[in-house]
C-alpha atoms as a PDB file:
ATOM      1  CA  MET A   1      36.179 -17.582  -5.447  1.00  0.00           C
ATOM      2  CA  LEU A   2      33.938 -20.118  -7.162  1.00  0.00           C
ATOM      3  CA  ARG A   3      34.613 -18.487 -10.556  1.00  0.00           C
ATOM      4  CA  SER A   4      38.346 -18.512  -9.863  1.00  0.00           C
ATOM      5  CA  ALA A   5      38.261 -22.217  -8.944  1.00  0.00           C
ATOM      6  CA  TRP A   6      36.313 -22.908 -12.132  1.00  0.00           C
ATOM      7  CA  ARG A   7      38.662 -20.925 -14.340  1.00  0.00           C
ATOM      8  CA  ASP A   8      41.883 -22.444 -13.043  1.00  0.00           C
ATOM      9  CA  GLY A   9      40.456 -25.963 -12.811  1.00  0.00           C
ATOM     10  CA  SER A  10      41.394 -26.399  -9.149  1.00  0.00           C
ATOM     11  CA  TRP A  11      37.802 -27.362  -8.259  1.00  0.00           C
ATOM     12  CA  GLY A  12      38.241 -30.748  -9.956  1.00  0.00           C
ATOM     13  CA  LYS A  13      41.723 -31.632  -8.731  1.00  0.00           C
ATOM     14  CA  TYR A  14      42.740 -34.032  -6.016  1.00  0.00           C
ATOM     15  CA  GLN A  15      44.949 -31.302  -4.551  1.00  0.00           C
ATOM     16  CA  GLY A  16      43.890 -27.910  -5.813  1.00  0.00           C
ATOM     17  CA  GLY A  17      45.067 -25.956  -2.760  1.00  0.00           C
ATOM     18  CA  ALA A  18      41.705 -24.956  -1.275  1.00  0.00           C
ATOM     19  CA  VAL A  19      41.478 -27.904   1.123  1.00  0.00           C
ATOM     20  CA  GLU A  20      45.014 -27.354   2.384  1.00  0.00           C
ATOM     21  CA  ARG A  21      44.372 -23.623   2.887  1.00  0.00           C
ATOM     22  CA  LEU A  22      41.175 -24.409   4.812  1.00  0.00           C
ATOM     23  CA  GLU A  23      42.945 -26.874   7.092  1.00  0.00           C
ATOM     24  CA  LEU A  24      45.748 -24.409   7.842  1.00  0.00           C
ATOM     25  CA  ARG A  25      43.231 -21.674   8.543  1.00  0.00           C
ATOM     26  CA  LEU A  26      41.100 -23.771  10.881  1.00  0.00           C
ATOM     27  CA  ALA A  27      44.153 -24.937  12.812  1.00  0.00           C
ATOM     28  CA  HIS A  28      45.392 -21.359  13.177  1.00  0.00           C
ATOM     29  CA  GLU A  29      42.030 -19.893  14.188  1.00  0.00           C
ATOM     30  CA  HIS A  30      41.501 -22.595  16.815  1.00  0.00           C
ATOM     31  CA  GLY A  31      45.018 -22.310  18.175  1.00  0.00           C
ATOM     32  CA  VAL A  32      45.912 -25.941  17.507  1.00  0.00           C
ATOM     33  CA  ALA A  33      48.707 -27.457  15.492  1.00  0.00           C
ATOM     34  CA  HIS A  34      46.662 -29.599  13.118  1.00  0.00           C
ATOM     35  CA  ALA A  35      43.339 -29.788  11.262  1.00  0.00           C
ATOM     36  CA  ALA A  36      42.150 -32.579   8.989  1.00  0.00           C
ATOM     37  CA  VAL A  37      38.945 -32.296   6.984  1.00  0.00           C
ATOM     38  CA  CYS A  38      36.682 -35.221   6.103  1.00  0.00           C
ATOM     39  CA  SER A  39      33.293 -35.972   4.593  1.00  0.00           C
ATOM     40  CA  SER A  40      31.047 -35.370   7.636  1.00  0.00           C
ATOM     41  CA  GLY A  41      30.978 -34.334  11.279  1.00  0.00           C
ATOM     42  CA  THR A  42      29.375 -37.628  12.255  1.00  0.00           C
ATOM     43  CA  LEU A  43      32.217 -39.540  10.621  1.00  0.00           C
ATOM     44  CA  ALA A  44      34.695 -37.213  12.355  1.00  0.00           C
ATOM     45  CA  ILE A  45      33.527 -38.478  15.777  1.00  0.00           C
ATOM     46  CA  GLU A  46      34.142 -42.066  14.709  1.00  0.00           C
ATOM     47  CA  LEU A  47      37.547 -41.181  13.251  1.00  0.00           C
ATOM     48  CA  ALA A  48      38.439 -39.408  16.491  1.00  0.00           C
ATOM     49  CA  LEU A  49      37.618 -42.554  18.461  1.00  0.00           C
ATOM     50  CA  ARG A  50      39.710 -44.668  16.093  1.00  0.00           C
ATOM     51  CA  ALA A  51      42.644 -42.263  16.344  1.00  0.00           C
ATOM     52  CA  LEU A  52      42.433 -42.588  20.126  1.00  0.00           C
ATOM     53  CA  LYS A  53      42.557 -46.392  19.678  1.00  0.00           C
ATOM     54  CA  VAL A  54      39.147 -46.863  21.297  1.00  0.00           C
ATOM     55  CA  GLY A  55      37.769 -50.322  20.552  1.00  0.00           C
ATOM     56  CA  PRO A  56      36.112 -53.459  21.900  1.00  0.00           C
ATOM     57  CA  GLY A  57      36.155 -53.665  25.693  1.00  0.00           C
ATOM     58  CA  ASP A  58      36.546 -49.889  26.090  1.00  0.00           C
ATOM     59  CA  GLU A  59      33.976 -47.433  27.432  1.00  0.00           C
ATOM     60  CA  VAL A  60      33.190 -43.913  26.227  1.00  0.00           C
ATOM     61  CA  ILE A  61      31.275 -41.418  28.377  1.00  0.00           C
ATOM     62  CA  LEU A  62      28.781 -39.086  26.751  1.00  0.00           C
ATOM     63  CA  ALA A  63      25.628 -37.255  27.722  1.00  0.00           C
ATOM     64  CA  ALA A  64      22.404 -39.251  27.835  1.00  0.00           C
ATOM     65  CA  TYR A  65      20.853 -36.327  25.954  1.00  0.00           C
ATOM     66  CA  ASP A  66      22.999 -35.925  22.846  1.00  0.00           C
ATOM     67  CA  TYR A  67      23.045 -36.253  19.072  1.00  0.00           C
ATOM     68  CA  PRO A  68      22.321 -39.941  18.396  1.00  0.00           C
ATOM     69  CA  GLY A  69      25.133 -40.219  15.856  1.00  0.00           C
ATOM     70  CA  ASN A  70      27.654 -39.913  18.682  1.00  0.00           C
ATOM     71  CA  PHE A  71      26.136 -42.912  20.462  1.00  0.00           C
ATOM     72  CA  LEU A  72      26.247 -44.921  17.225  1.00  0.00           C
ATOM     73  CA  ALA A  73      29.866 -43.885  16.567  1.00  0.00           C
ATOM     74  CA  VAL A  74      30.878 -45.487  19.878  1.00  0.00           C
ATOM     75  CA  HIS A  75      29.191 -48.709  18.792  1.00  0.00           C
ATOM     76  CA  ALA A  76      30.821 -48.449  15.364  1.00  0.00           C
ATOM     77  CA  VAL A  77      34.257 -48.910  16.915  1.00  0.00           C
ATOM     78  CA  GLY A  78      33.033 -51.743  19.157  1.00  0.00           C
ATOM     79  CA  ALA A  79      33.086 -49.766  22.426  1.00  0.00           C
ATOM     80  CA  ARG A  80      30.377 -49.338  25.043  1.00  0.00           C
ATOM     81  CA  PRO A  81      28.585 -45.998  25.552  1.00  0.00           C
ATOM     82  CA  VAL A  82      28.346 -44.858  29.170  1.00  0.00           C
ATOM     83  CA  LEU A  83      25.528 -42.338  29.590  1.00  0.00           C
ATOM     84  CA  ALA A  84      26.019 -39.507  32.073  1.00  0.00           C
ATOM     85  CA  ASP A  85      23.330 -37.062  33.062  1.00  0.00           C
ATOM     86  CA  VAL A  86      23.011 -33.459  31.906  1.00  0.00           C
ATOM     87  CA  ALA A  87      23.097 -30.304  34.045  1.00  0.00           C
ATOM     88  CA  PRO A  88      19.697 -28.905  35.089  1.00  0.00           C
ATOM     89  CA  ASP A  89      20.448 -25.360  33.994  1.00  0.00           C
ATOM     90  CA  ASP A  90      21.378 -26.030  30.357  1.00  0.00           C
ATOM     91  CA  TRP A  91      20.876 -29.756  29.640  1.00  0.00           C
ATOM     92  CA  ASN A  92      24.477 -30.137  28.497  1.00  0.00           C
ATOM     93  CA  LEU A  93      26.861 -32.738  29.936  1.00  0.00           C
ATOM     94  CA  ASP A  94      27.037 -32.590  33.745  1.00  0.00           C
ATOM     95  CA  LEU A  95      30.516 -32.850  35.227  1.00  0.00           C
ATOM     96  CA  THR A  96      29.335 -34.328  38.528  1.00  0.00           C
ATOM     97  CA  SER A  97      27.710 -37.196  36.648  1.00  0.00           C
ATOM     98  CA  VAL A  98      30.827 -37.601  34.477  1.00  0.00           C
ATOM     99  CA  ALA A  99      32.956 -37.956  37.614  1.00  0.00           C
ATOM    100  CA  GLU A 100      30.739 -40.850  38.704  1.00  0.00           C
ATOM    101  CA  ALA A 101      30.926 -42.503  35.284  1.00  0.00           C
ATOM    102  CA  PHE A 102      34.636 -43.338  35.067  1.00  0.00           C
ATOM    103  CA  SER A 103      35.725 -46.947  35.295  1.00  0.00           C
ATOM    104  CA  PRO A 104      38.983 -48.769  34.537  1.00  0.00           C
ATOM    105  CA  ALA A 105      37.627 -49.322  31.023  1.00  0.00           C
ATOM    106  CA  THR A 106      37.004 -45.632  30.260  1.00  0.00           C
ATOM    107  CA  ARG A 107      39.060 -44.393  27.333  1.00  0.00           C
ATOM    108  CA  ALA A 108      37.318 -41.165  26.268  1.00  0.00           C
ATOM    109  CA  VAL A 109      34.626 -38.594  26.983  1.00  0.00           C
ATOM    110  CA  ILE A 110      32.553 -37.021  24.188  1.00  0.00           C
ATOM    111  CA  ALA A 111      31.461 -33.498  25.114  1.00  0.00           C
ATOM    112  CA  SER A 112      28.856 -31.844  22.860  1.00  0.00           C
ATOM    113  CA  HIS A 113      27.965 -28.146  23.113  1.00  0.00           C
ATOM    114  CA  LEU A 114      24.231 -28.118  22.370  1.00  0.00           C
ATOM    115  CA  HIS A 115      21.409 -25.615  21.851  1.00  0.00           C
ATOM    116  CA  GLY A 116      23.409 -22.559  22.935  1.00  0.00           C
ATOM    117  CA  GLY A 117      24.817 -24.217  26.049  1.00  0.00           C
ATOM    118  CA  LEU A 118      28.545 -24.596  26.668  1.00  0.00           C
ATOM    119  CA  ILE A 119      30.296 -27.246  28.727  1.00  0.00           C
ATOM    120  CA  PRO A 120      33.043 -25.992  31.111  1.00  0.00           C
ATOM    121  CA  MET A 121      35.912 -27.543  29.187  1.00  0.00           C
ATOM    122  CA  ARG A 122      38.742 -26.478  31.480  1.00  0.00           C
ATOM    123  CA  GLU A 123      37.193 -28.484  34.328  1.00  0.00           C
ATOM    124  CA  LEU A 124      36.182 -31.383  32.085  1.00  0.00           C
ATOM    125  CA  THR A 125      39.611 -31.859  30.519  1.00  0.00           C
ATOM    126  CA  ALA A 126      41.251 -31.738  33.945  1.00  0.00           C
ATOM    127  CA  LEU A 127      38.761 -34.319  35.235  1.00  0.00           C
ATOM    128  CA  ALA A 128      39.352 -36.619  32.273  1.00  0.00           C
ATOM    129  CA  ALA A 129      43.139 -36.275  32.523  1.00  0.00           C
ATOM    130  CA  ALA A 130      43.007 -37.248  36.181  1.00  0.00           C
ATOM    131  CA  HIS A 131      41.356 -40.509  35.103  1.00  0.00           C
ATOM    132  CA  GLY A 132      43.697 -41.102  32.166  1.00  0.00           C
ATOM    133  CA  SER A 133      40.972 -40.478  29.599  1.00  0.00           C
ATOM    134  CA  ALA A 134      40.893 -38.409  26.429  1.00  0.00           C
ATOM    135  CA  VAL A 135      38.275 -35.800  25.485  1.00  0.00           C
ATOM    136  CA  ILE A 136      36.546 -35.434  22.131  1.00  0.00           C
ATOM    137  CA  GLU A 137      34.963 -31.989  21.953  1.00  0.00           C
ATOM    138  CA  ASP A 138      31.989 -31.951  19.600  1.00  0.00           C
ATOM    139  CA  ALA A 139      31.520 -28.373  18.406  1.00  0.00           C
ATOM    140  CA  ALA A 140      29.239 -29.239  15.475  1.00  0.00           C
ATOM    141  CA  GLN A 141      26.548 -26.936  16.902  1.00  0.00           C
ATOM    142  CA  ALA A 142      29.008 -24.313  18.112  1.00  0.00           C
ATOM    143  CA  PRO A 143      31.414 -23.148  15.365  1.00  0.00           C
ATOM    144  CA  GLY A 144      33.079 -19.958  16.509  1.00  0.00           C
ATOM    145  CA  ALA A 145      31.780 -20.114  20.105  1.00  0.00           C
ATOM    146  CA  MET A 146      34.221 -19.144  22.831  1.00  0.00           C
ATOM    147  CA  VAL A 147      34.642 -21.413  25.846  1.00  0.00           C
ATOM    148  CA  GLN A 148      36.748 -20.091  28.708  1.00  0.00           C
ATOM    149  CA  GLY A 149      39.050 -18.148  26.388  1.00  0.00           C
ATOM    150  CA  ARG A 150      39.354 -20.713  23.583  1.00  0.00           C
ATOM    151  CA  ARG A 151      37.283 -21.497  20.546  1.00  0.00           C
ATOM    152  CA  ALA A 152      34.930 -24.425  20.863  1.00  0.00           C
ATOM    153  CA  GLY A 153      36.713 -27.450  19.464  1.00  0.00           C
ATOM    154  CA  ALA A 154      40.135 -26.363  20.694  1.00  0.00           C
ATOM    155  CA  TRP A 155      39.932 -27.832  24.212  1.00  0.00           C
ATOM    156  CA  GLY A 156      39.733 -31.538  23.539  1.00  0.00           C
ATOM    157  CA  ASP A 157      42.437 -33.995  22.600  1.00  0.00           C
ATOM    158  CA  ILE A 158      40.430 -33.924  19.377  1.00  0.00           C
ATOM    159  CA  GLY A 159      37.807 -31.363  18.434  1.00  0.00           C
ATOM    160  CA  VAL A 160      35.147 -31.801  15.770  1.00  0.00           C
ATOM    161  CA  LEU A 161      33.345 -29.343  13.474  1.00  0.00           C
ATOM    162  CA  SER A 162      30.534 -30.143  11.050  1.00  0.00           C
ATOM    163  CA  PHE A 163      29.691 -28.553   7.687  1.00  0.00           C
ATOM    164  CA  GLY A 164      26.397 -30.359   7.124  1.00  0.00           C
ATOM    165  CA  GLY A 165      23.603 -28.872   5.064  1.00  0.00           C
ATOM    166  CA  SER A 166      21.829 -27.121   7.936  1.00  0.00           C
ATOM    167  CA  LYS A 167      24.884 -25.948   9.863  1.00  0.00           C
ATOM    168  CA  LEU A 168      26.029 -22.353  10.451  1.00  0.00           C
ATOM    169  CA  VAL A 169      28.977 -22.985   8.146  1.00  0.00           C
ATOM    170  CA  SER A 170      27.806 -25.373   5.437  1.00  0.00           C
ATOM    171  CA  ALA A 171      29.109 -27.160   2.364  1.00  0.00           C
ATOM    172  CA  GLY A 172      26.196 -29.587   2.216  1.00  0.00           C
ATOM    173  CA  ARG A 173      28.402 -32.208   3.852  1.00  0.00           C
ATOM    174  CA  GLY A 174      31.782 -32.225   5.545  1.00  0.00           C
ATOM    175  CA  GLY A 175      33.605 -32.072   8.844  1.00  0.00           C
ATOM    176  CA  THR A 176      36.934 -31.269  10.472  1.00  0.00           C
ATOM    177  CA  LEU A 177      39.082 -32.829  13.181  1.00  0.00           C
ATOM    178  CA  LEU A 178      41.236 -30.460  15.243  1.00  0.00           C
ATOM    179  CA  THR A 179      44.112 -31.539  17.467  1.00  0.00           C
ATOM    180  CA  GLY A 180      47.249 -30.233  19.063  1.00  0.00           C
ATOM    181  CA  ARG A 181      48.736 -33.724  19.337  1.00  0.00           C
ATOM    182  CA  ALA A 182      51.103 -34.826  16.601  1.00  0.00           C
ATOM    183  CA  ASP A 183      50.521 -38.521  17.361  1.00  0.00           C
ATOM    184  CA  LEU A 184      46.774 -38.235  16.919  1.00  0.00           C
ATOM    185  CA  TYR A 185      47.164 -36.223  13.730  1.00  0.00           C
ATOM    186  CA  GLN A 186      49.485 -38.873  12.320  1.00  0.00           C
ATOM    187  CA  ARG A 187      46.965 -41.610  13.074  1.00  0.00           C
ATOM    188  CA  LEU A 188      44.157 -39.557  11.537  1.00  0.00           C
ATOM    189  CA  ARG A 189      46.166 -39.075   8.340  1.00  0.00           C
ATOM    190  CA  LEU A 190      46.841 -42.812   8.163  1.00  0.00           C
ATOM    191  CA  ILE A 191      43.141 -43.573   8.639  1.00  0.00           C
ATOM    192  CA  LEU A 192      42.090 -40.976   6.082  1.00  0.00           C
ATOM    193  CA  HIS A 193      44.578 -42.088   3.424  1.00  0.00           C
ATOM    194  CA  ARG A 194      44.897 -45.425   1.679  1.00  0.00           C
ATOM    195  CA  ALA A 195      47.164 -46.191  -1.271  1.00  0.00           C
ATOM    196  CA  GLY A 196      47.772 -42.492  -1.785  1.00  0.00           C
ATOM    197  CA  ASN A 197      44.077 -41.638  -1.926  1.00  0.00           C
ATOM    198  CA  LEU A 198      41.696 -39.978   0.544  1.00  0.00           C
ATOM    199  CA  LEU A 199      38.950 -42.306   1.737  1.00  0.00           C
ATOM    200  CA  TYR A 200      36.586 -39.686   3.178  1.00  0.00           C
ATOM    201  CA  PRO A 201      37.382 -36.473   1.318  1.00  0.00           C
ATOM    202  CA  LEU A 202      36.098 -32.946   1.469  1.00  0.00           C
ATOM    203  CA  SER A 203      36.239 -31.686  -2.091  1.00  0.00           C
ATOM    204  CA  GLU A 204      38.185 -28.673  -3.295  1.00  0.00           C
ATOM    205  CA  LEU A 205      34.904 -27.034  -4.327  1.00  0.00           C
ATOM    206  CA  GLN A 206      33.441 -27.545  -0.848  1.00  0.00           C
ATOM    207  CA  ALA A 207      36.533 -25.933   0.678  1.00  0.00           C
ATOM    208  CA  VAL A 208      36.129 -22.945  -1.650  1.00  0.00           C
ATOM    209  CA  VAL A 209      32.510 -22.549  -0.541  1.00  0.00           C
ATOM    210  CA  LEU A 210      33.439 -22.719   3.145  1.00  0.00           C
ATOM    211  CA  ALA A 211      36.184 -20.065   3.149  1.00  0.00           C
ATOM    212  CA  PRO A 212      33.983 -16.943   2.775  1.00  0.00           C
ATOM    213  CA  GLN A 213      31.553 -18.296   5.364  1.00  0.00           C
ATOM    214  CA  PHE A 214      34.356 -18.432   7.923  1.00  0.00           C
ATOM    215  CA  ASP A 215      35.237 -14.838   6.965  1.00  0.00           C
ATOM    216  CA  ARG A 216      31.812 -13.769   8.285  1.00  0.00           C
ATOM    217  CA  LEU A 217      31.347 -16.290  11.080  1.00  0.00           C
ATOM    218  CA  ASP A 218      32.344 -14.090  14.041  1.00  0.00           C
ATOM    219  CA  GLU A 219      30.233 -11.171  12.850  1.00  0.00           C
ATOM    220  CA  ARG A 220      27.235 -13.425  12.245  1.00  0.00           C
ATOM    221  CA  ASN A 221      27.613 -15.155  15.611  1.00  0.00           C
ATOM    222  CA  MET A 222      27.641 -11.765  17.323  1.00  0.00           C
ATOM    223  CA  ARG A 223      24.482 -10.838  15.479  1.00  0.00           C
ATOM    224  CA  ARG A 224      22.849 -14.128  16.442  1.00  0.00           C
ATOM    225  CA  ARG A 225      23.684 -13.554  20.122  1.00  0.00           C
ATOM    226  CA  ARG A 226      22.119 -10.111  19.953  1.00  0.00           C
ATOM    227  CA  THR A 227      19.011 -11.549  18.316  1.00  0.00           C
ATOM    228  CA  VAL A 228      18.698 -14.288  20.952  1.00  0.00           C
ATOM    229  CA  ALA A 229      18.933 -11.630  23.680  1.00  0.00           C
ATOM    230  CA  LEU A 230      16.105  -9.714  21.970  1.00  0.00           C
ATOM    231  CA  LEU A 231      14.023 -12.870  21.691  1.00  0.00           C
ATOM    232  CA  ALA A 232      14.639 -13.760  25.328  1.00  0.00           C
ATOM    233  CA  ASP A 233      13.571 -10.268  26.393  1.00  0.00           C
ATOM    234  CA  HIS A 234      10.256 -10.590  24.539  1.00  0.00           C
ATOM    235  CA  LEU A 235       9.601 -14.045  25.992  1.00  0.00           C
ATOM    236  CA  ARG A 236      10.749 -13.376  29.556  1.00  0.00           C
ATOM    237  CA  ASP A 237       7.251 -13.460  31.080  1.00  0.00           C
ATOM    238  CA  VAL A 238       5.977 -16.551  29.200  1.00  0.00           C
ATOM    239  CA  PRO A 239       5.591 -19.271  31.848  1.00  0.00           C
ATOM    240  CA  GLY A 240       7.118 -22.653  31.195  1.00  0.00           C
ATOM    241  CA  LEU A 241       9.657 -21.495  28.602  1.00  0.00           C
ATOM    242  CA  ARG A 242      13.262 -20.913  29.685  1.00  0.00           C
ATOM    243  CA  LEU A 243      16.135 -20.080  27.317  1.00  0.00           C
ATOM    244  CA  ILE A 244      19.176 -22.351  27.541  1.00  0.00           C
ATOM    245  CA  ARG A 245      22.267 -20.283  28.358  1.00  0.00           C
ATOM    246  CA  PRO A 246      25.905 -21.249  29.129  1.00  0.00           C
ATOM    247  CA  ARG A 247      26.464 -22.107  32.762  1.00  0.00           C
ATOM    248  CA  MET A 248      29.848 -20.361  32.917  1.00  0.00           C
ATOM    249  CA  VAL A 249      30.411 -16.604  32.802  1.00  0.00           C
ATOM    250  CA  ASP A 250      33.492 -16.684  30.552  1.00  0.00           C
ATOM    251  CA  GLY A 251      31.835 -18.014  27.422  1.00  0.00           C
ATOM    252  CA  GLU A 252      30.296 -16.668  24.215  1.00  0.00           C
ATOM    253  CA  PRO A 253      27.663 -19.118  22.963  1.00  0.00           C
ATOM    254  CA  CYS A 254      26.859 -19.996  19.391  1.00  0.00           C
ATOM    255  CA  TYR A 255      23.299 -20.571  18.227  1.00  0.00           C
ATOM    256  CA  TYR A 256      22.777 -23.251  15.624  1.00  0.00           C
ATOM    257  CA  LYS A 257      19.612 -24.287  17.422  1.00  0.00           C
ATOM    258  CA  VAL A 258      18.257 -21.918  20.063  1.00  0.00           C
ATOM    259  CA  GLY A 259      17.321 -24.238  22.910  1.00  0.00           C
ATOM    260  CA  PHE A 260      14.499 -23.771  25.395  1.00  0.00           C
ATOM    261  CA  GLN A 261      13.520 -25.775  28.437  1.00  0.00           C
ATOM    262  CA  PHE A 262       9.779 -26.272  28.040  1.00  0.00           C
ATOM    263  CA  ASP A 263       7.611 -27.075  31.046  1.00  0.00           C
ATOM    264  CA  ALA A 264       4.316 -28.423  29.725  1.00  0.00           C
ATOM    265  CA  GLU A 265       2.518 -28.140  33.054  1.00  0.00           C
ATOM    266  CA  ARG A 266       3.408 -24.480  33.563  1.00  0.00           C
ATOM    267  CA  PHE A 267       2.725 -23.528  29.946  1.00  0.00           C
ATOM    268  CA  GLY A 268      -0.539 -25.459  29.835  1.00  0.00           C
ATOM    269  CA  LEU A 269       0.101 -27.523  26.684  1.00  0.00           C
ATOM    270  CA  THR A 270       1.951 -30.703  25.869  1.00  0.00           C
ATOM    271  CA  ARG A 271       5.213 -30.176  23.985  1.00  0.00           C
ATOM    272  CA  THR A 272       3.753 -31.904  20.925  1.00  0.00           C
ATOM    273  CA  ARG A 273       0.769 -29.560  20.779  1.00  0.00           C
ATOM    274  CA  PHE A 274       2.906 -26.519  21.603  1.00  0.00           C
ATOM    275  CA  THR A 275       5.433 -27.122  18.802  1.00  0.00           C
ATOM    276  CA  ALA A 276       2.668 -27.975  16.350  1.00  0.00           C
ATOM    277  CA  ALA A 277       0.795 -24.767  17.188  1.00  0.00           C
ATOM    278  CA  VAL A 278       3.914 -22.632  16.800  1.00  0.00           C
ATOM    279  CA  ARG A 279       4.742 -24.305  13.493  1.00  0.00           C
ATOM    280  CA  MET A 280       1.214 -23.490  12.330  1.00  0.00           C
ATOM    281  CA  GLU A 281       2.265 -19.861  12.832  1.00  0.00           C
ATOM    282  CA  GLY A 282       5.132 -20.442  10.369  1.00  0.00           C
ATOM    283  CA  ILE A 283       7.899 -20.743  12.981  1.00  0.00           C
ATOM    284  CA  ALA A 284      10.483 -23.554  12.697  1.00  0.00           C
ATOM    285  CA  LEU A 285      10.246 -24.765  16.298  1.00  0.00           C
ATOM    286  CA  ASP A 286      10.850 -28.464  16.943  1.00  0.00           C
ATOM    287  CA  PRO A 287      11.330 -30.942  19.773  1.00  0.00           C
ATOM    288  CA  GLY A 288      14.922 -31.641  20.762  1.00  0.00           C
ATOM    289  CA  PHE A 289      16.760 -34.966  20.702  1.00  0.00           C
ATOM    290  CA  ARG A 290      15.467 -38.223  22.118  1.00  0.00           C
ATOM    291  CA  ALA A 291      17.380 -39.264  25.236  1.00  0.00           C
ATOM    292  CA  LEU A 292      19.846 -41.983  24.247  1.00  0.00           C
ATOM    293  CA  HIS A 293      18.756 -44.524  26.872  1.00  0.00           C
ATOM    294  CA  ILE A 294      15.070 -44.366  26.011  1.00  0.00           C
ATOM    295  CA  GLY A 295      13.891 -47.056  23.607  1.00  0.00           C
ATOM    296  CA  ARG A 296      17.271 -48.826  23.557  1.00  0.00           C
ATOM    297  CA  SER A 297      18.236 -52.132  25.075  1.00  0.00           C
ATOM    298  CA  PRO A 298      20.105 -51.743  28.399  1.00  0.00           C
ATOM    299  CA  ALA A 299      22.630 -54.223  26.990  1.00  0.00           C
ATOM    300  CA  ARG A 300      23.804 -51.576  24.515  1.00  0.00           C
ATOM    301  CA  LEU A 301      24.943 -49.087  27.170  1.00  0.00           C
ATOM    302  CA  ARG A 302      25.804 -48.398  30.786  1.00  0.00           C
ATOM    303  CA  ARG A 303      23.858 -45.673  32.523  1.00  0.00           C
ATOM    304  CA  VAL A 304      25.001 -43.515  35.440  1.00  0.00           C
ATOM    305  CA  GLY A 305      22.285 -42.987  38.018  1.00  0.00           C
ATOM    306  CA  SER A 306      18.674 -42.186  37.201  1.00  0.00           C
ATOM    307  CA  LEU A 307      19.398 -39.801  34.285  1.00  0.00           C
ATOM    308  CA  ALA A 308      16.494 -37.703  35.553  1.00  0.00           C
ATOM    309  CA  GLU A 309      17.616 -34.484  33.826  1.00  0.00           C
ATOM    310  CA  ALA A 310      18.216 -36.256  30.523  1.00  0.00           C
ATOM    311  CA  GLU A 311      14.650 -37.518  30.734  1.00  0.00           C
ATOM    312  CA  ARG A 312      13.454 -33.994  31.420  1.00  0.00           C
ATOM    313  CA  ALA A 313      15.349 -32.858  28.310  1.00  0.00           C
ATOM    314  CA  HIS A 314      13.847 -35.743  26.369  1.00  0.00           C
ATOM    315  CA  ASP A 315      10.365 -34.526  27.314  1.00  0.00           C
ATOM    316  CA  GLY A 316      10.989 -30.784  27.402  1.00  0.00           C
ATOM    317  CA  ALA A 317      13.663 -29.558  24.999  1.00  0.00           C
ATOM    318  CA  VAL A 318      12.433 -27.391  22.120  1.00  0.00           C
ATOM    319  CA  VAL A 319      14.708 -25.795  19.538  1.00  0.00           C
ATOM    320  CA  LEU A 320      14.375 -22.882  17.143  1.00  0.00           C
ATOM    321  CA  HIS A 321      16.302 -23.193  13.866  1.00  0.00           C
ATOM    322  CA  HIS A 322      19.009 -20.583  13.275  1.00  0.00           C
ATOM    323  CA  PRO A 323      18.014 -18.791   9.981  1.00  0.00           C
ATOM    324  CA  ILE A 324      15.594 -16.476  11.824  1.00  0.00           C
ATOM    325  CA  LEU A 325      18.504 -15.171  13.917  1.00  0.00           C
ATOM    326  CA  LEU A 326      19.875 -13.162  10.983  1.00  0.00           C
ATOM    327  CA  ALA A 327      16.479 -11.635  10.183  1.00  0.00           C
ATOM    328  CA  ASP A 328      15.332  -8.115  11.011  1.00  0.00           C
ATOM    329  CA  ASP A 329      14.317  -7.328  14.578  1.00  0.00           C
ATOM    330  CA  THR A 330      10.689  -7.025  13.456  1.00  0.00           C
ATOM    331  CA  ASP A 331      10.746 -10.632  12.241  1.00  0.00           C
ATOM    332  CA  VAL A 332      12.289 -11.796  15.507  1.00  0.00           C
ATOM    333  CA  VAL A 333       9.611 -10.011  17.505  1.00  0.00           C
ATOM    334  CA  GLN A 334       7.014 -11.754  15.334  1.00  0.00           C
ATOM    335  CA  VAL A 335       8.471 -15.090  16.458  1.00  0.00           C
ATOM    336  CA  ALA A 336       8.039 -14.071  20.082  1.00  0.00           C
ATOM    337  CA  ASP A 337       4.530 -12.780  19.346  1.00  0.00           C
ATOM    338  CA  ALA A 338       3.589 -16.101  17.757  1.00  0.00           C
ATOM    339  CA  ILE A 339       4.684 -18.008  20.881  1.00  0.00           C
ATOM    340  CA  ARG A 340       2.893 -15.538  23.128  1.00  0.00           C
ATOM    341  CA  LYS A 341      -0.215 -15.886  20.943  1.00  0.00           C
ATOM    342  CA  VAL A 342      -0.223 -19.665  21.423  1.00  0.00           C
ATOM    343  CA  HIS A 343       0.040 -19.223  25.169  1.00  0.00           C
ATOM    344  CA  ARG A 344      -2.614 -16.513  25.273  1.00  0.00           C
ATOM    345  CA  TRP A 345      -5.166 -18.471  23.275  1.00  0.00           C
ATOM    346  CA  ASN A 346      -4.487 -21.643  25.239  1.00  0.00           C
ATOM    347  CA  THR A 347      -5.018 -19.741  28.481  1.00  0.00           C
ATOM    348  CA  GLN A 348      -8.301 -18.292  27.240  1.00  0.00           C
ATOM    349  CA  LEU A 349      -9.533 -21.683  26.063  1.00  0.00           C
ATOM    350  CA  ALA A 350      -8.699 -23.185  29.454  1.00  0.00           C
ATOM    351  CA  VAL A 351     -10.965 -20.623  31.120  1.00  0.00           C
ATOM    352  CA  LEU A 352     -13.935 -21.480  28.903  1.00  0.00           C
END
């Protein structure tokens, strides 16, 4: 496909056909009427807020444990982030906390599927609708995941995908907005275009690179789920390390980062020392996100309750990067053995 785009010159055109084909494909595969690509997933969240006419004086609910770019996107449009807690079983947005977060100023909820967890979108969209609020479904970490019978990104008033350099489907940069609403799509097109030119484009060459990756996405996601199951089996008796799984039965997760809930007291090491030791074994294991309310001025946000689970995630989330999930089973077992080795040696040192 790259050679074909080079030969016919479409790679260097404003409208070479590849971007349009990608948008039509993504809309069809997600069961929505419209898709609009742009230059990044982070920008896509901001564009979604602007299309929903969120601005100064408005509030946007999101998880207190989330990608920090989403928090900053709310500020970028002049709105106020309202931080809800995360669920104890998977450290993704908790619907009980969301229900407590609504106010007359609430205009939208940002729901991010993180670390292999999935938010129950049927219940969330119904809850938001009852309060007259829109939902932005952030599926940057979950391309191809299934949530209650629909692809991740297809539930919200606007869904977002990311094609950043480390993502499961990557063009180095890029993102997509998905919507079934003609009014929102029209606003997005107006925001994206100015004087006949795209302001935040995805290039034709990027679209060409993405197409074959989507051809293999479902097969690769199935393989990743099988690998995660194998990894979980080999780590099942390691104390203080619990795999993050979707809280609903009718979901097929996607693993961009394999998330674990790490309990330092039970494992016997701080998270910092644990991740450093595993990385010394050659395994790309890292701490998760910083909770959004920690280290920020209270004037920049409104918090809902104590945010105790978000603080647990702040202290205890660890994530394994996805490339290992397409490796041979022997390599995956070596990852588990490395983690078990760290625990074993730490236990022996504690006895001495």
